[in-house]
């Protein structure tokens, strides 16, 4: 029985996607959460990148695989593969650019067209440190989030404000959805064989559950 590599020691693996217009700070949110880094030399993401980080929820280790994509239209062909299996999304706009907030509705429609109805969505107003340039009020965003039944948070990847909270909240909510689904299966141990995928809804490969100890070599 060999020991786990630390990176593989998790109970759940959840795929999150970052969506929103180009330049709203998706990549900096990702790098702040996964590596605690921020870059002022913002460059456009080309294609798709992802990074991972594990957090503890209750007594479980939840590993997030967070996908980041270019917001530019010319990369829209990647959508279905990008969204496949996602159980959580951070839909990001820039509080200083109203047009990025106006486009949130279109992103939300695309997200809902490509994912399961149980997906956990957090609306994120980034660049909240630029108070003197604010163009989207917190109130307007709250009203929109309530109407669309999403979570909402304002963040600053620059100041590291609420970045941790926004990702952690999404992961915790997904974990609670999945735990409830597992409980609904009942107490029959045969109902959850090792390596079984738990579907949060109808789409396949939504989340992966590992029984600790089942997979060591």
Protein backbone atom coordinates (compact mmCIF):
# COMPACT_ATOMS: atom_id res chain seq x y z
CA UNK A 1 0.00 0.00 0.00
CA UNK A 2 1.79 3.11 -1.19
CA UNK A 3 0.88 6.50 0.18
CA UNK A 4 -1.20 8.96 -1.83
CA UNK A 5 0.59 11.73 -3.61
CA UNK A 6 -0.70 14.77 -1.74
CA UNK A 7 -2.21 16.21 -4.90
CA UNK A 8 -4.45 13.18 -5.33
CA UNK A 9 -5.72 13.14 -1.78
CA UNK A 10 -9.23 14.47 -2.22
CA UNK A 11 -12.79 13.26 -1.70
CA UNK A 12 -14.48 15.23 -4.44
CA UNK A 13 -13.33 16.81 -7.69
CA UNK A 14 -15.49 19.64 -9.00
CA UNK A 15 -15.10 21.46 -12.29
CA UNK A 16 -15.74 25.20 -12.20
CA UNK A 17 -15.76 27.53 -15.17
CA UNK A 18 -14.94 31.23 -15.30
CA UNK A 19 -16.99 33.14 -17.84
CA UNK A 20 -17.55 36.78 -18.75
CA UNK A 21 -16.28 39.39 -21.17
CA UNK A 22 -12.62 39.81 -22.04
CA UNK A 23 -10.67 42.00 -19.63
CA UNK A 24 -12.93 41.65 -16.60
CA UNK A 25 -10.16 39.91 -14.62
CA UNK A 26 -11.04 36.21 -14.87
CA UNK A 27 -7.40 35.11 -15.13
CA UNK A 28 -6.34 37.25 -12.17
CA UNK A 29 -9.17 35.84 -10.05
CA UNK A 30 -7.93 32.36 -10.96
CA UNK A 31 -4.27 33.09 -10.23
CA UNK A 32 -5.15 34.88 -6.97
CA UNK A 33 -7.21 31.93 -5.74
CA UNK A 34 -4.92 29.12 -6.89
CA UNK A 35 -1.45 30.70 -6.51
CA UNK A 36 -2.08 33.97 -4.63
CA UNK A 37 -0.62 35.89 -7.57
CA UNK A 38 -1.79 39.01 -9.40
CA UNK A 39 -0.36 40.51 -12.57
CA UNK A 40 -0.86 44.13 -13.64
CA UNK A 41 0.51 43.23 -17.08
CA UNK A 42 -2.81 41.79 -18.14
CA UNK A 43 -2.61 39.68 -21.26
CA UNK A 44 -5.56 38.08 -22.99
CA UNK A 45 -6.01 34.40 -22.38
CA UNK A 46 -5.59 32.39 -25.57
CA UNK A 47 -7.90 29.41 -25.77
CA UNK A 48 -8.38 27.60 -22.45
CA UNK A 49 -6.32 27.24 -19.29
CA UNK A 50 -7.12 25.59 -16.00
CA UNK A 51 -5.67 25.46 -12.50
CA UNK A 52 -6.55 23.47 -9.40
CA UNK A 53 -6.76 24.04 -5.68
CA UNK A 54 -8.13 21.94 -2.83
CA UNK A 55 -10.09 23.27 0.11
CA UNK A 56 -11.71 21.60 3.11
CA UNK A 57 -15.50 21.59 3.39
CA UNK A 58 -16.86 19.98 6.57
CA UNK A 59 -14.48 17.04 6.97
CA UNK A 60 -13.97 16.48 3.27
CA UNK A 61 -11.25 17.60 0.87
CA UNK A 62 -12.81 19.23 -2.16
CA UNK A 63 -10.55 19.78 -5.17
CA UNK A 64 -11.54 22.46 -7.65
CA UNK A 65 -10.49 22.25 -11.26
CA UNK A 66 -11.09 25.79 -12.47
CA UNK A 67 -11.25 26.51 -16.19
CA UNK A 68 -10.52 29.94 -17.61
CA UNK A 69 -11.21 30.95 -21.19
CA UNK A 70 -10.78 33.86 -23.53
CA UNK A 71 -13.80 36.15 -23.44
CA UNK A 72 -13.37 37.07 -27.11
CA UNK A 73 -16.01 35.96 -29.55
CA UNK A 74 -13.56 34.22 -31.86
CA UNK A 75 -13.06 31.50 -29.24
CA UNK A 76 -16.76 30.75 -28.82
CA UNK A 77 -16.44 27.49 -30.75
CA UNK A 78 -15.02 25.86 -27.62
CA UNK A 79 -18.19 26.27 -25.63
CA UNK A 80 -19.65 22.79 -25.36
CA UNK A 81 -16.35 21.12 -24.41
CA UNK A 82 -15.54 23.97 -22.04
CA UNK A 83 -18.82 23.67 -20.17
CA UNK A 84 -19.06 19.87 -20.17
CA UNK A 85 -19.14 18.49 -16.64
CA UNK A 86 -19.07 21.89 -14.94
CA UNK A 87 -20.93 21.96 -11.62
CA UNK A 88 -20.10 25.54 -10.73
CA UNK A 89 -19.50 28.83 -12.53
CA UNK A 90 -18.22 32.27 -11.69
CA UNK A 91 -19.79 34.76 -14.07
CA UNK A 92 -17.55 37.81 -13.94
CA UNK A 93 -18.12 41.43 -14.95
CA UNK A 94 -16.08 44.59 -14.33
CA UNK A 95 -17.81 47.09 -11.99
CA UNK A 96 -16.16 49.95 -13.92
CA UNK A 97 -17.45 48.89 -17.36
CA UNK A 98 -21.22 48.80 -17.59
CA UNK A 99 -21.23 46.94 -20.92
CA UNK A 100 -19.61 43.91 -19.22
CA UNK A 101 -22.57 43.84 -16.82
CA UNK A 102 -25.05 44.19 -19.69
CA UNK A 103 -23.48 41.11 -21.30
CA UNK A 104 -23.96 39.01 -18.17
CA UNK A 105 -27.43 38.03 -19.36
CA UNK A 106 -26.04 36.58 -22.60
CA UNK A 107 -23.32 34.66 -20.72
CA UNK A 108 -25.91 33.29 -18.31
CA UNK A 109 -28.07 32.05 -21.16
CA UNK A 110 -25.11 30.33 -22.80
CA UNK A 111 -24.10 28.78 -19.48
CA UNK A 112 -27.60 27.45 -18.83
CA UNK A 113 -27.88 26.12 -22.38
CA UNK A 114 -24.73 24.02 -21.88
CA UNK A 115 -24.94 22.85 -18.26
CA UNK A 116 -27.25 21.11 -15.84
CA UNK A 117 -29.96 23.10 -14.09
CA UNK A 118 -28.39 22.38 -10.68
CA UNK A 119 -25.17 24.23 -11.53
CA UNK A 120 -24.12 26.65 -8.78
CA UNK A 121 -23.60 30.14 -10.22
CA UNK A 122 -21.88 33.08 -8.56
CA UNK A 123 -22.20 36.51 -10.18
CA UNK A 124 -18.91 38.32 -9.52
CA UNK A 125 -18.40 42.08 -9.78
CA UNK A 126 -14.63 42.35 -10.05
CA UNK A 127 -12.32 45.41 -9.77
CA UNK A 128 -14.31 46.72 -6.79
CA UNK A 129 -11.12 48.48 -5.62
CA UNK A 130 -11.61 51.08 -8.39
CA UNK A 131 -14.25 52.91 -6.35
CA UNK A 132 -13.96 56.26 -8.18
CA UNK A 133 -14.59 54.55 -11.55
CA UNK A 134 -17.60 52.45 -10.54
CA UNK A 135 -20.24 52.22 -13.27
CA UNK A 136 -22.38 49.33 -11.94
CA UNK A 137 -24.07 49.74 -8.56
CA UNK A 138 -23.98 46.91 -6.05
CA UNK A 139 -27.77 47.23 -5.77
CA UNK A 140 -28.37 46.66 -9.50
CA UNK A 141 -26.21 43.55 -9.45
CA UNK A 142 -27.96 42.22 -6.32
CA UNK A 143 -31.36 42.68 -7.95
CA UNK A 144 -30.19 40.83 -11.06
CA UNK A 145 -28.67 37.98 -8.99
CA UNK A 146 -31.87 37.59 -6.97
CA UNK A 147 -34.00 37.56 -10.10
CA UNK A 148 -31.80 34.89 -11.69
CA UNK A 149 -31.33 32.90 -8.46
CA UNK A 150 -27.54 33.16 -8.49
CA UNK A 151 -25.16 34.01 -5.68
CA UNK A 152 -23.45 37.40 -5.83
CA UNK A 153 -20.20 38.90 -4.56
CA UNK A 154 -18.01 41.86 -5.38
CA UNK A 155 -14.31 41.11 -5.55
CA UNK A 156 -10.93 42.68 -6.10
CA UNK A 157 -8.27 40.35 -7.44
CA UNK A 158 -5.81 43.24 -6.97
CA UNK A 159 -6.57 43.72 -3.26
CA UNK A 160 -7.42 40.03 -2.74
CA UNK A 161 -10.88 41.00 -1.52
CA UNK A 162 -13.54 38.26 -1.50
CA UNK A 163 -11.64 36.13 -4.03
CA UNK A 164 -11.24 33.30 -1.54
CA UNK A 165 -14.84 33.77 -0.38
CA UNK A 166 -16.35 33.63 -3.85
CA UNK A 167 -14.66 30.37 -4.86
CA UNK A 168 -15.12 28.78 -1.42
CA UNK A 169 -18.81 29.65 -1.34
CA UNK A 170 -19.40 28.06 -4.76
CA UNK A 171 -17.48 24.91 -3.80
CA UNK A 172 -19.32 24.60 -0.48
CA UNK A 173 -22.70 24.96 -2.17
CA UNK A 174 -21.81 22.32 -4.78
CA UNK A 175 -20.62 20.01 -2.00
CA UNK A 176 -23.95 20.40 -0.18
CA UNK A 177 -25.93 19.65 -3.37
CA UNK A 178 -23.83 16.54 -4.01
CA UNK A 179 -24.02 15.34 -0.39
CA UNK A 180 -27.80 15.63 -0.46
CA UNK A 181 -27.92 13.66 -3.72
CA UNK A 182 -25.72 10.96 -2.19
CA UNK A 183 -28.01 10.76 0.84
CA UNK A 184 -31.04 10.35 -1.39
CA UNK A 185 -29.51 7.16 -2.78
CA UNK A 186 -30.03 5.68 0.68
CA UNK A 187 -27.77 3.77 3.06
CA UNK A 188 -27.17 0.78 0.84
CA UNK A 189 -23.37 0.67 0.48
CA UNK A 190 -23.75 -1.16 -2.83
CA UNK A 191 -25.55 1.90 -4.19
CA UNK A 192 -22.31 3.87 -4.27
CA UNK A 193 -19.61 1.59 -5.65
CA UNK A 194 -16.04 2.84 -5.67
CA UNK A 195 -15.26 5.31 -8.39
CA UNK A 196 -18.91 5.91 -9.16
CA UNK A 197 -19.73 9.30 -10.64
CA UNK A 198 -22.40 11.14 -8.74
CA UNK A 199 -24.60 13.12 -11.08
CA UNK A 200 -25.88 16.35 -9.63
CA UNK A 201 -28.46 16.26 -12.40
CA UNK A 202 -28.95 14.56 -15.71
CA UNK A 203 -25.70 15.44 -17.50
CA UNK A 204 -22.86 12.96 -17.33
CA UNK A 205 -19.44 13.34 -15.65
CA UNK A 206 -20.71 16.09 -13.39
CA UNK A 207 -18.56 15.27 -10.40
CA UNK A 208 -16.23 12.56 -9.32
CA UNK A 209 -16.28 10.99 -5.90
CA UNK A 210 -13.38 9.07 -4.47
CA UNK A 211 -13.59 6.87 -1.43
CA UNK A 212 -10.50 7.55 0.64
CA UNK A 213 -8.25 4.55 0.57
CA UNK A 214 -9.85 2.95 -2.46
CA UNK A 215 -7.34 4.04 -5.00
CA UNK A 216 -3.87 3.72 -3.48
CA UNK A 217 -1.39 1.67 -5.40
